[in-house]
Structure formats: structure tokens, C-alpha cells
Amino acid sequence: MFRRATTGILARIIRARLFSTGLPAAQTIDSTFAEAWKKVAPNLDPPKTPLSFMQPRPPTPSAIPSKLTVNFVLPYASEISGKEVDMVIIPASTGQMGVLPGHVSTITELKPGVLSVHEGNEVKKYFVSSGFAFIHANSIADIVAVEAAPLDQIDSSLVQKGLAEFNQKLSSASTDLEKAEAQIGVDVHSALNAALTG
């Protein structure tokens, strides 16, 4: 009985509105809310909601574009913003993933490894610790990493030293927490070492 009632309600809601990909650009603020806000706080502007910062999604092209638009951001900086490239190679949790223009929509977790951005004959490589990649059907790739550094700015002697330290910590760890922290350090430094030597 409950299942039938909720199914009927959801069906009416879905029929009544479009899915988010088909919505036109929405108003940035509800007029009834703005009027009510002015009555309560006439000297303050109404607060902005996430909807007021969102831009309408660009349409999915009918033909495959020749370039892939890449946005690569970190919590503290934007490394690449709206750059048109030929291809990116992402260190996905399932293995290396090449993304070309027209790639199918995908969300993937990043593992420690090398992110390669290919533009013509130029290849820019970054080491990423973790994060996510969002590949959109309109040939836009949004890559969000927790930490990243250009590969040419990483000191291999410090990587070797860090790997030795974390291997020592792993062998002497007594609690599960210490073992997990040391294992993460070993994994990241091993990936860094492989990126620098490979």
C-alpha cells in the first residue's frame, strides 16, 4: 500500500517537471521569498543560494568536438581552467584512463599517480594524491584533486627518503591505525617513485 502511494506521488512529480539536464536557466531567486525577506530584513539583501551561482549546462554537441575542455582544480588553487586539449590520461582507481573528446560520461575516483595533459606535442604531467574526475558528455572534464604537483618539481631524493621512513613505520606499527597510516604513506611514496622513475 505504502509502495503504491509513493510510486504514484513520484510519478506525478517526475511528469510535472523536467530532469535537471533539460531545465532552462532558472531564476536566481524566488520572488515570494525575496518579498518575505524584505519585510523581515529590509536593509539586507536576500541570501544567495547555490542555484544563484550555477550556470546553465552547455548543450551536448551533435558531432564530436576536436578538443577536450579540461578544468583541473585543487582545494587551494585552479591549475587548469577551461583549457582545450587533445587528451588527458587520468590515474583512475581501476587503472590508467585516457579521455578524448566525445568520451562517455563518467565519474571515477583518482588514485595516487600521474595525470598527463596532452596538447599537441606538449605533455604536462602532474602527480595527484587522490580525488575525482567527472567526464561530461559535452567533452568537458572536471578533475578535482586533494593534492597535486607538477612532476618536474618533485625531488626524487626526498621521495626515496619518505618511502624508507614509511616502510620503517609500517614494519614497526603496533595498532591498526598506525598500520593504515603507514600503508597510505607507502602507497603514495611508491606511486611517486614509480612516476619519477617510469
N, C-alpha and C. Protein backbone atom coordinates (compact mmCIF):
# COMPACT_ATOMS: atom_id res chain seq x y z
N MET A 1 0.83 -1.19 0.00
CA MET A 1 0.00 0.00 0.00
C MET A 1 0.87 1.26 0.00
N PHE A 2 1.86 1.29 0.93
CA PHE A 2 2.74 2.46 1.02
C PHE A 2 3.55 2.60 -0.27
N ARG A 3 4.05 1.47 -0.79
CA ARG A 3 4.84 1.50 -2.02
C ARG A 3 4.02 2.05 -3.18
N ARG A 4 2.76 1.63 -3.28
CA ARG A 4 1.90 2.09 -4.36
C ARG A 4 1.64 3.59 -4.25
N ALA A 5 1.46 4.08 -3.02
CA ALA A 5 1.19 5.51 -2.82
C ALA A 5 2.41 6.34 -3.19
N THR A 6 3.59 5.91 -2.74
CA THR A 6 4.79 6.69 -3.07
C THR A 6 5.11 6.64 -4.55
N THR A 7 4.87 5.49 -5.19
CA THR A 7 5.11 5.39 -6.62
C THR A 7 4.22 6.34 -7.40
N GLY A 8 2.96 6.45 -6.99
CA GLY A 8 2.04 7.37 -7.65
C GLY A 8 2.44 8.81 -7.47
N ILE A 9 2.88 9.16 -6.26
CA ILE A 9 3.31 10.54 -5.99
C ILE A 9 4.55 10.87 -6.80
N LEU A 10 5.54 9.97 -6.79
CA LEU A 10 6.77 10.22 -7.55
C LEU A 10 6.50 10.32 -9.04
N ALA A 11 5.61 9.49 -9.56
CA ALA A 11 5.30 9.55 -10.99
C ALA A 11 4.71 10.90 -11.37
N ARG A 12 3.84 11.45 -10.50
CA ARG A 12 3.26 12.77 -10.79
C ARG A 12 4.32 13.86 -10.73
N ILE A 13 5.23 13.76 -9.78
CA ILE A 13 6.29 14.77 -9.65
C ILE A 13 7.19 14.73 -10.87
N ILE A 14 7.59 13.54 -11.29
CA ILE A 14 8.50 13.41 -12.43
C ILE A 14 7.83 13.89 -13.71
N ARG A 15 6.54 13.57 -13.90
CA ARG A 15 5.84 14.05 -15.09
C ARG A 15 5.69 15.57 -15.07
N ALA A 16 5.63 16.15 -13.87
CA ALA A 16 5.38 17.58 -13.75
C ALA A 16 6.61 18.42 -14.06
N ARG A 17 7.81 17.86 -13.90
CA ARG A 17 8.99 18.68 -14.16
C ARG A 17 10.01 17.91 -14.98
N LEU A 18 10.86 18.64 -15.66
CA LEU A 18 11.90 18.04 -16.47
C LEU A 18 13.04 17.57 -15.58
N PHE A 19 13.87 16.69 -16.12
CA PHE A 19 15.07 16.33 -15.40
C PHE A 19 16.05 17.49 -15.45
N SER A 20 17.06 17.47 -14.59
CA SER A 20 17.96 18.62 -14.46
C SER A 20 18.71 18.94 -15.74
N THR A 21 18.96 17.94 -16.59
CA THR A 21 19.69 18.23 -17.83
C THR A 21 18.86 18.96 -18.85
N GLY A 22 17.54 18.92 -18.70
CA GLY A 22 16.67 19.58 -19.66
C GLY A 22 16.10 20.89 -19.17
N LEU A 23 16.49 21.32 -17.98
CA LEU A 23 15.94 22.55 -17.42
C LEU A 23 16.54 23.78 -18.08
N PRO A 24 15.72 24.78 -18.35
CA PRO A 24 16.29 26.04 -18.83
C PRO A 24 16.96 26.75 -17.66
N ALA A 25 17.65 27.83 -17.95
CA ALA A 25 18.29 28.61 -16.89
C ALA A 25 17.22 29.08 -15.91
N ALA A 26 17.40 28.77 -14.65
CA ALA A 26 16.40 29.08 -13.63
C ALA A 26 16.61 30.48 -13.08
N GLN A 27 15.54 31.01 -12.48
CA GLN A 27 15.68 32.30 -11.83
C GLN A 27 16.66 32.13 -10.67
N THR A 28 17.39 33.18 -10.37
CA THR A 28 18.38 33.05 -9.30
C THR A 28 17.76 33.22 -7.93
N ILE A 29 16.57 33.79 -7.82
CA ILE A 29 15.94 33.94 -6.52
C ILE A 29 14.43 33.88 -6.68
N ASP A 30 13.79 33.28 -5.71
CA ASP A 30 12.34 33.15 -5.70
C ASP A 30 11.74 34.49 -5.29
N SER A 31 10.83 35.02 -6.10
CA SER A 31 10.27 36.36 -5.83
C SER A 31 9.47 36.40 -4.54
N THR A 32 8.72 35.35 -4.21
CA THR A 32 7.95 35.37 -2.95
C THR A 32 8.88 35.36 -1.75
N PHE A 33 9.99 34.60 -1.86
CA PHE A 33 10.97 34.60 -0.78
C PHE A 33 11.60 35.97 -0.63
N ALA A 34 11.93 36.61 -1.75
CA ALA A 34 12.57 37.93 -1.70
C ALA A 34 11.64 38.96 -1.06
N GLU A 35 10.35 38.90 -1.37
CA GLU A 35 9.40 39.84 -0.75
C GLU A 35 9.29 39.59 0.74
N ALA A 36 9.21 38.33 1.14
CA ALA A 36 9.14 38.00 2.57
C ALA A 36 10.42 38.42 3.29
N TRP A 37 11.55 38.26 2.62
CA TRP A 37 12.83 38.65 3.22
C TRP A 37 12.87 40.17 3.45
N LYS A 38 12.41 40.94 2.47
CA LYS A 38 12.42 42.40 2.60
C LYS A 38 11.55 42.87 3.76
N LYS A 39 10.47 42.14 4.07
CA LYS A 39 9.63 42.50 5.21
C LYS A 39 10.36 42.26 6.53
N VAL A 40 11.13 41.18 6.60
CA VAL A 40 11.82 40.81 7.84
C VAL A 40 13.12 41.59 8.00
N ALA A 41 13.89 41.71 6.93
CA ALA A 41 15.19 42.38 6.98
C ALA A 41 15.31 43.34 5.81
N PRO A 42 14.68 44.52 5.89
CA PRO A 42 14.66 45.43 4.74
C PRO A 42 16.02 46.01 4.37
N ASN A 43 16.98 46.02 5.29
CA ASN A 43 18.29 46.61 5.00
C ASN A 43 19.30 45.60 4.46
N LEU A 44 18.92 44.33 4.41
CA LEU A 44 19.85 43.30 3.94
C LEU A 44 19.36 42.70 2.62
N ASP A 45 20.32 42.40 1.74
CA ASP A 45 19.98 41.69 0.51
C ASP A 45 19.62 40.25 0.85
N PRO A 46 18.73 39.64 0.08
CA PRO A 46 18.41 38.23 0.32
C PRO A 46 19.66 37.36 0.15
N PRO A 47 19.76 36.27 0.92
CA PRO A 47 20.95 35.40 0.80
C PRO A 47 20.98 34.71 -0.55
N LYS A 48 22.18 34.40 -1.00
CA LYS A 48 22.34 33.68 -2.26
C LYS A 48 22.32 32.17 -1.96
N THR A 49 21.67 31.45 -2.83
CA THR A 49 21.61 30.00 -2.72
C THR A 49 22.55 29.40 -3.75
N PRO A 50 22.86 28.11 -3.66
CA PRO A 50 23.73 27.52 -4.68
C PRO A 50 23.21 27.71 -6.10
N LEU A 51 21.90 27.76 -6.26
CA LEU A 51 21.32 27.93 -7.57
C LEU A 51 21.73 29.27 -8.20
N SER A 52 21.95 30.29 -7.39
CA SER A 52 22.31 31.59 -7.94
C SER A 52 23.75 31.61 -8.46
N PHE A 53 24.56 30.63 -8.09
CA PHE A 53 25.94 30.57 -8.58
C PHE A 53 26.10 29.62 -9.76
N MET A 54 25.07 28.84 -10.04
CA MET A 54 25.17 27.85 -11.11
C MET A 54 24.85 28.47 -12.46
N GLN A 55 25.57 28.01 -13.45
CA GLN A 55 25.31 28.45 -14.81
C GLN A 55 24.62 27.30 -15.54
N PRO A 56 23.81 27.62 -16.54
CA PRO A 56 23.18 26.52 -17.27
C PRO A 56 24.22 25.63 -17.94
N ARG A 57 23.96 24.35 -17.96
CA ARG A 57 24.89 23.40 -18.55
C ARG A 57 24.93 23.60 -20.06
N PRO A 58 26.13 23.62 -20.66
CA PRO A 58 26.21 23.75 -22.11
C PRO A 58 25.58 22.53 -22.78
N PRO A 59 25.00 22.71 -23.95
CA PRO A 59 24.34 21.58 -24.61
C PRO A 59 25.36 20.53 -25.07
N THR A 60 24.90 19.30 -25.18
CA THR A 60 25.74 18.23 -25.71
C THR A 60 25.80 18.41 -27.22
N PRO A 61 27.00 18.51 -27.79
CA PRO A 61 27.11 18.75 -29.24
C PRO A 61 26.62 17.55 -30.04
N SER A 62 26.14 17.81 -31.24
CA SER A 62 25.66 16.72 -32.10
C SER A 62 26.82 15.97 -32.74
N ALA A 63 27.95 16.64 -32.97
CA ALA A 63 29.15 16.00 -33.51
C ALA A 63 30.24 16.02 -32.45
N ILE A 64 31.15 15.09 -32.53
CA ILE A 64 32.25 15.03 -31.55
C ILE A 64 33.18 16.22 -31.78
N PRO A 65 33.43 17.02 -30.74
CA PRO A 65 34.34 18.16 -30.92
C PRO A 65 35.79 17.68 -31.11
N SER A 66 36.61 18.57 -31.60
CA SER A 66 38.00 18.21 -31.87
C SER A 66 38.88 18.34 -30.63
N LYS A 67 38.41 19.06 -29.62
CA LYS A 67 39.20 19.28 -28.40
C LYS A 67 38.38 18.92 -27.16
N LEU A 68 39.10 18.61 -26.09
CA LEU A 68 38.52 18.32 -24.79
C LEU A 68 38.79 19.52 -23.89
N THR A 69 37.76 20.03 -23.23
CA THR A 69 37.95 21.17 -22.31
C THR A 69 38.21 20.61 -20.92
N VAL A 70 39.33 21.03 -20.32
CA VAL A 70 39.75 20.49 -19.02
C VAL A 70 39.76 21.57 -17.96
N ASN A 71 39.18 21.23 -16.80
CA ASN A 71 39.27 22.04 -15.59
C ASN A 71 39.93 21.16 -14.54
N PHE A 72 41.07 21.59 -14.01
CA PHE A 72 41.82 20.82 -13.01
C PHE A 72 41.99 21.70 -11.79
N VAL A 73 41.31 21.35 -10.70
CA VAL A 73 41.31 22.20 -9.52
C VAL A 73 41.78 21.44 -8.28
N LEU A 74 42.36 22.20 -7.37
CA LEU A 74 42.78 21.74 -6.05
C LEU A 74 42.00 22.55 -5.02
N PRO A 75 41.98 22.14 -3.77
CA PRO A 75 41.23 22.91 -2.76
C PRO A 75 41.70 24.35 -2.62
N TYR A 76 42.94 24.61 -2.97
CA TYR A 76 43.52 25.94 -2.75
C TYR A 76 43.88 26.67 -4.05
N ALA A 77 43.72 26.03 -5.20
CA ALA A 77 44.11 26.68 -6.46
C ALA A 77 43.45 26.01 -7.65
N SER A 78 43.42 26.73 -8.75
CA SER A 78 42.95 26.18 -10.02
C SER A 78 44.16 26.03 -10.93
N GLU A 79 44.57 24.79 -11.19
CA GLU A 79 45.74 24.54 -12.02
C GLU A 79 45.44 24.79 -13.49
N ILE A 80 44.30 24.29 -13.96
CA ILE A 80 43.89 24.45 -15.36
C ILE A 80 42.42 24.85 -15.36
N SER A 81 42.09 25.88 -16.11
CA SER A 81 40.70 26.33 -16.14
C SER A 81 40.25 26.54 -17.58
N GLY A 82 39.37 25.68 -18.05
CA GLY A 82 38.79 25.84 -19.39
C GLY A 82 39.77 25.69 -20.53
N LYS A 83 40.82 24.92 -20.34
CA LYS A 83 41.84 24.76 -21.37
C LYS A 83 41.43 23.66 -22.35
N GLU A 84 41.53 23.94 -23.64
CA GLU A 84 41.20 22.96 -24.65
C GLU A 84 42.45 22.15 -24.99
N VAL A 85 42.36 20.83 -24.79
CA VAL A 85 43.49 19.93 -25.01
C VAL A 85 43.05 18.77 -25.90
N ASP A 86 44.04 17.96 -26.32
CA ASP A 86 43.74 16.81 -27.16
C ASP A 86 43.30 15.60 -26.34
N MET A 87 43.92 15.42 -25.16
CA MET A 87 43.64 14.23 -24.36
C MET A 87 44.19 14.42 -22.95
N VAL A 88 43.56 13.75 -21.99
CA VAL A 88 44.14 13.64 -20.65
C VAL A 88 44.18 12.16 -20.29
N ILE A 89 45.21 11.78 -19.55
CA ILE A 89 45.31 10.42 -19.02
C ILE A 89 45.22 10.54 -17.50
N ILE A 90 44.22 9.87 -16.94
CA ILE A 90 43.87 10.01 -15.53
C ILE A 90 44.26 8.75 -14.78
N PRO A 91 44.87 8.88 -13.58
CA PRO A 91 45.16 7.69 -12.76
C PRO A 91 43.91 7.26 -11.99
N ALA A 92 42.99 6.58 -12.67
CA ALA A 92 41.74 6.15 -12.05
C ALA A 92 42.00 4.97 -11.12
N SER A 93 41.08 4.74 -10.22
CA SER A 93 41.24 3.63 -9.27
C SER A 93 41.21 2.28 -9.97
N THR A 94 40.65 2.23 -11.19
CA THR A 94 40.60 0.99 -11.96
C THR A 94 41.77 0.86 -12.93
N GLY A 95 42.65 1.84 -12.98
CA GLY A 95 43.80 1.83 -13.88
C GLY A 95 43.87 3.14 -14.65
N GLN A 96 44.86 3.27 -15.51
CA GLN A 96 45.01 4.49 -16.30
C GLN A 96 43.82 4.62 -17.25
N MET A 97 43.26 5.83 -17.32
CA MET A 97 42.09 6.06 -18.17
C MET A 97 42.38 7.23 -19.11
N GLY A 98 42.39 6.95 -20.40
CA GLY A 98 42.57 8.00 -21.39
C GLY A 98 41.23 8.63 -21.73
N VAL A 99 41.19 9.95 -21.74
CA VAL A 99 39.95 10.67 -22.05
C VAL A 99 40.19 11.54 -23.27
N LEU A 100 39.41 11.29 -24.31
CA LEU A 100 39.46 12.04 -25.56
C LEU A 100 38.16 12.82 -25.72
N PRO A 101 38.10 13.76 -26.65
CA PRO A 101 36.83 14.44 -26.92
C PRO A 101 35.75 13.42 -27.28
N GLY A 102 34.55 13.63 -26.77
CA GLY A 102 33.44 12.72 -27.05
C GLY A 102 33.38 11.52 -26.14
N HIS A 103 34.20 11.51 -25.07
CA HIS A 103 34.19 10.38 -24.12
C HIS A 103 32.83 10.27 -23.45
N VAL A 104 32.44 9.06 -23.14
CA VAL A 104 31.17 8.83 -22.47
C VAL A 104 31.21 9.45 -21.06
N SER A 105 30.08 9.90 -20.57
CA SER A 105 30.01 10.49 -19.23
C SER A 105 30.47 9.48 -18.20
N THR A 106 31.37 9.92 -17.32
CA THR A 106 31.97 9.03 -16.33
C THR A 106 32.32 9.81 -15.08
N ILE A 107 32.21 9.15 -13.94
CA ILE A 107 32.75 9.67 -12.68
C ILE A 107 33.69 8.59 -12.18
N THR A 108 34.92 8.97 -11.86
CA THR A 108 35.88 7.99 -11.38
C THR A 108 36.71 8.57 -10.24
N GLU A 109 37.11 7.69 -9.35
CA GLU A 109 37.97 8.07 -8.24
C GLU A 109 39.42 8.05 -8.73
N LEU A 110 40.21 9.00 -8.26
CA LEU A 110 41.62 9.05 -8.62
C LEU A 110 42.43 8.34 -7.55
N LYS A 111 43.45 7.62 -7.97
CA LYS A 111 44.40 7.01 -7.04
C LYS A 111 45.72 7.77 -7.18
N PRO A 112 46.64 7.60 -6.26
CA PRO A 112 47.93 8.28 -6.42
C PRO A 112 48.59 7.87 -7.73
N GLY A 113 48.95 8.87 -8.52
CA GLY A 113 49.57 8.58 -9.82
C GLY A 113 49.74 9.83 -10.65
N VAL A 114 50.06 9.62 -11.91
CA VAL A 114 50.39 10.73 -12.82
C VAL A 114 49.18 11.08 -13.67
N LEU A 115 48.85 12.35 -13.68
CA LEU A 115 47.83 12.92 -14.56
C LEU A 115 48.59 13.59 -15.71
N SER A 116 48.32 13.14 -16.94
CA SER A 116 49.00 13.71 -18.11
C SER A 116 48.01 14.51 -18.94
N VAL A 117 48.39 15.74 -19.26
CA VAL A 117 47.56 16.61 -20.09
C VAL A 117 48.29 16.80 -21.42
N HIS A 118 47.69 16.30 -22.51
CA HIS A 118 48.32 16.32 -23.83
C HIS A 118 47.69 17.41 -24.69
N GLU A 119 48.54 18.31 -25.15
CA GLU A 119 48.11 19.39 -26.04
C GLU A 119 49.11 19.48 -27.18
N GLY A 120 48.72 18.92 -28.32
CA GLY A 120 49.66 18.86 -29.45
C GLY A 120 50.82 17.96 -29.08
N ASN A 121 52.04 18.44 -29.25
CA ASN A 121 53.24 17.68 -28.88
C ASN A 121 53.65 17.92 -27.44
N GLU A 122 52.99 18.84 -26.77
CA GLU A 122 53.34 19.19 -25.39
C GLU A 122 52.55 18.31 -24.41
N VAL A 123 53.26 17.76 -23.42
CA VAL A 123 52.64 16.94 -22.38
C VAL A 123 53.03 17.51 -21.04
N LYS A 124 52.03 17.90 -20.26
CA LYS A 124 52.26 18.41 -18.90
C LYS A 124 51.83 17.32 -17.93
N LYS A 125 52.73 16.94 -17.02
CA LYS A 125 52.43 15.85 -16.09
C LYS A 125 52.37 16.38 -14.67
N TYR A 126 51.37 15.90 -13.93
CA TYR A 126 51.18 16.24 -12.52
C TYR A 126 51.09 14.94 -11.72
N PHE A 127 51.61 14.97 -10.51
CA PHE A 127 51.37 13.85 -9.61
C PHE A 127 50.18 14.23 -8.74
N VAL A 128 49.16 13.38 -8.71
CA VAL A 128 47.96 13.63 -7.88
C VAL A 128 47.90 12.57 -6.79
N SER A 129 47.49 13.00 -5.59
CA SER A 129 47.42 12.06 -4.47
C SER A 129 46.11 11.30 -4.45
N SER A 130 45.02 11.98 -4.74
CA SER A 130 43.69 11.36 -4.76
C SER A 130 42.71 12.41 -5.25
N GLY A 131 41.46 12.00 -5.44
CA GLY A 131 40.44 12.95 -5.88
C GLY A 131 39.42 12.25 -6.75
N PHE A 132 38.76 13.04 -7.61
CA PHE A 132 37.74 12.52 -8.50
C PHE A 132 37.85 13.21 -9.86
N ALA A 133 37.41 12.49 -10.89
CA ALA A 133 37.33 13.06 -12.24
C ALA A 133 35.89 12.91 -12.71
N PHE A 134 35.35 13.97 -13.26
CA PHE A 134 34.00 14.00 -13.80
C PHE A 134 34.10 14.28 -15.29
N ILE A 135 33.75 13.30 -16.10
CA ILE A 135 33.80 13.46 -17.54
C ILE A 135 32.36 13.66 -18.01
N HIS A 136 32.10 14.76 -18.69
CA HIS A 136 30.75 15.11 -19.13
C HIS A 136 30.58 14.78 -20.60
N ALA A 137 29.34 14.56 -21.02
CA ALA A 137 29.04 14.20 -22.40
C ALA A 137 29.36 15.31 -23.39
N ASN A 138 29.48 16.56 -22.92
CA ASN A 138 29.77 17.67 -23.82
C ASN A 138 31.28 17.93 -23.93
N SER A 139 32.09 16.90 -23.72
CA SER A 139 33.55 16.95 -23.85
C SER A 139 34.19 17.95 -22.89
N ILE A 140 33.71 17.95 -21.66
CA ILE A 140 34.32 18.73 -20.58
C ILE A 140 34.74 17.75 -19.50
N ALA A 141 35.98 17.87 -19.04
CA ALA A 141 36.50 17.03 -17.97
C ALA A 141 36.83 17.91 -16.77
N ASP A 142 36.18 17.64 -15.65
CA ASP A 142 36.46 18.34 -14.40
C ASP A 142 37.24 17.38 -13.50
N ILE A 143 38.48 17.74 -13.18
CA ILE A 143 39.33 16.90 -12.36
C ILE A 143 39.60 17.63 -11.06
N VAL A 144 39.24 16.99 -9.95
CA VAL A 144 39.37 17.59 -8.63
C VAL A 144 40.33 16.71 -7.82
N ALA A 145 41.46 17.26 -7.42
CA ALA A 145 42.46 16.50 -6.67
C ALA A 145 42.66 17.11 -5.29
N VAL A 146 42.98 16.26 -4.33
CA VAL A 146 43.25 16.72 -2.97
C VAL A 146 44.60 17.43 -2.92
N GLU A 147 45.60 16.83 -3.52
CA GLU A 147 46.94 17.42 -3.63
C GLU A 147 47.48 17.09 -5.00
N ALA A 148 48.25 18.00 -5.56
CA ALA A 148 48.89 17.74 -6.85
C ALA A 148 50.11 18.64 -6.98
N ALA A 149 51.08 18.15 -7.73
CA ALA A 149 52.29 18.93 -8.00
C ALA A 149 52.79 18.56 -9.38
N PRO A 150 53.31 19.55 -10.13
CA PRO A 150 53.93 19.21 -11.41
C PRO A 150 55.06 18.21 -11.17
N LEU A 151 55.15 17.20 -12.00
CA LEU A 151 56.11 16.13 -11.81
C LEU A 151 57.55 16.63 -11.81
N ASP A 152 57.82 17.68 -12.58
CA ASP A 152 59.19 18.18 -12.65
C ASP A 152 59.60 18.96 -11.41
N GLN A 153 58.69 19.19 -10.48
CA GLN A 153 59.02 19.92 -9.24
C GLN A 153 59.19 19.00 -8.04
N ILE A 154 59.15 17.69 -8.26
CA ILE A 154 59.26 16.72 -7.16
C ILE A 154 60.70 16.24 -7.05
N ASP A 155 61.25 16.27 -5.84
CA ASP A 155 62.64 15.86 -5.57
C ASP A 155 62.67 14.35 -5.32
N SER A 156 63.36 13.62 -6.19
CA SER A 156 63.39 12.15 -6.08
C SER A 156 64.11 11.68 -4.82
N SER A 157 65.09 12.43 -4.33
CA SER A 157 65.79 12.01 -3.10
C SER A 157 64.85 12.09 -1.90
N LEU A 158 63.98 13.09 -1.86
CA LEU A 158 63.01 13.18 -0.76
C LEU A 158 61.97 12.08 -0.86
N VAL A 159 61.63 11.69 -2.08
CA VAL A 159 60.68 10.59 -2.26
C VAL A 159 61.28 9.29 -1.72
N GLN A 160 62.54 9.03 -2.06
CA GLN A 160 63.23 7.82 -1.56
C GLN A 160 63.31 7.83 -0.04
N LYS A 161 63.62 8.99 0.53
CA LYS A 161 63.71 9.12 1.99
C LYS A 161 62.34 8.87 2.63
N GLY A 162 61.29 9.45 2.06
CA GLY A 162 59.94 9.25 2.59
C GLY A 162 59.49 7.81 2.49
N LEU A 163 59.82 7.15 1.39
CA LEU A 163 59.46 5.74 1.21
C LEU A 163 60.14 4.87 2.26
N ALA A 164 61.40 5.14 2.52
CA ALA A 164 62.13 4.38 3.55
C ALA A 164 61.51 4.62 4.93
N GLU A 165 61.16 5.88 5.24
CA GLU A 165 60.54 6.20 6.53
C GLU A 165 59.22 5.46 6.71
N PHE A 166 58.36 5.49 5.70
CA PHE A 166 57.06 4.85 5.83
C PHE A 166 57.16 3.33 5.85
N ASN A 167 58.13 2.76 5.14
CA ASN A 167 58.35 1.31 5.24
C ASN A 167 58.78 0.94 6.65
N GLN A 168 59.62 1.76 7.27
CA GLN A 168 60.05 1.53 8.66
C GLN A 168 58.85 1.63 9.61
N LYS A 169 58.03 2.67 9.41
CA LYS A 169 56.84 2.84 10.25
C LYS A 169 55.88 1.66 10.10
N LEU A 170 55.75 1.16 8.86
CA LEU A 170 54.85 0.04 8.61
C LEU A 170 55.33 -1.23 9.32
N SER A 171 56.62 -1.45 9.30
CA SER A 171 57.15 -2.67 9.93
C SER A 171 57.10 -2.59 11.45
N SER A 172 57.13 -1.37 12.01
CA SER A 172 57.10 -1.23 13.48
C SER A 172 55.72 -0.84 14.02
N ALA A 173 54.72 -0.73 13.16
CA ALA A 173 53.38 -0.33 13.61
C ALA A 173 52.77 -1.41 14.49
N SER A 174 52.12 -0.96 15.58
CA SER A 174 51.52 -1.92 16.51
C SER A 174 49.99 -1.88 16.49
N THR A 175 49.39 -0.74 16.12
CA THR A 175 47.93 -0.64 16.10
C THR A 175 47.46 -0.62 14.65
N ASP A 176 46.18 -0.89 14.47
CA ASP A 176 45.60 -0.85 13.12
C ASP A 176 45.69 0.54 12.51
N LEU A 177 45.50 1.57 13.34
CA LEU A 177 45.59 2.95 12.85
C LEU A 177 47.00 3.26 12.35
N GLU A 178 48.01 2.88 13.12
CA GLU A 178 49.39 3.12 12.71
C GLU A 178 49.71 2.37 11.41
N LYS A 179 49.21 1.14 11.31
CA LYS A 179 49.44 0.36 10.09
C LYS A 179 48.77 1.01 8.88
N ALA A 180 47.53 1.49 9.06
CA ALA A 180 46.80 2.12 7.96
C ALA A 180 47.50 3.40 7.51
N GLU A 181 47.92 4.24 8.47
CA GLU A 181 48.61 5.49 8.13
C GLU A 181 49.92 5.20 7.41
N ALA A 182 50.67 4.22 7.90
CA ALA A 182 51.94 3.88 7.28
C ALA A 182 51.72 3.30 5.88
N GLN A 183 50.68 2.49 5.71
CA GLN A 183 50.39 1.90 4.41
C GLN A 183 50.03 2.97 3.38
N ILE A 184 49.27 3.97 3.80
CA ILE A 184 48.94 5.09 2.90
C ILE A 184 50.22 5.80 2.48
N GLY A 185 51.12 6.04 3.43
CA GLY A 185 52.39 6.69 3.12
C GLY A 185 53.22 5.87 2.14
N VAL A 186 53.26 4.55 2.34
CA VAL A 186 54.00 3.67 1.44
C VAL A 186 53.39 3.71 0.05
N ASP A 187 52.04 3.65 -0.02
CA ASP A 187 51.37 3.66 -1.33
C ASP A 187 51.65 4.94 -2.11
N VAL A 188 51.54 6.08 -1.42
CA VAL A 188 51.76 7.37 -2.09
C VAL A 188 53.22 7.52 -2.53
N HIS A 189 54.15 7.18 -1.64
CA HIS A 189 55.56 7.32 -2.00
C HIS A 189 55.97 6.31 -3.07
N SER A 190 55.38 5.12 -3.05
CA SER A 190 55.67 4.13 -4.12
C SER A 190 55.16 4.65 -5.46
N ALA A 191 53.97 5.23 -5.46
CA ALA A 191 53.43 5.81 -6.69
C ALA A 191 54.27 6.99 -7.17
N LEU A 192 54.74 7.82 -6.24
CA LEU A 192 55.63 8.93 -6.60
C LEU A 192 56.93 8.40 -7.20
N ASN A 193 57.48 7.38 -6.57
CA ASN A 193 58.74 6.80 -7.05
C ASN A 193 58.54 6.20 -8.44
N ALA A 194 57.46 5.50 -8.65
CA ALA A 194 57.18 4.92 -9.97
C ALA A 194 56.99 6.00 -11.02
N ALA A 195 56.34 7.10 -10.64
CA ALA A 195 56.12 8.21 -11.57
C ALA A 195 57.43 8.86 -11.98
N LEU A 196 58.35 8.96 -11.04
CA LEU A 196 59.63 9.63 -11.33
C LEU A 196 60.59 8.72 -12.10
N THR A 197 60.54 7.42 -11.83
CA THR A 197 61.48 6.51 -12.49
C THR A 197 60.91 5.93 -13.77
N GLY A 198 59.58 5.98 -13.94
CA GLY A 198 58.96 5.35 -15.12
C GLY A 198 58.75 6.32 -16.18
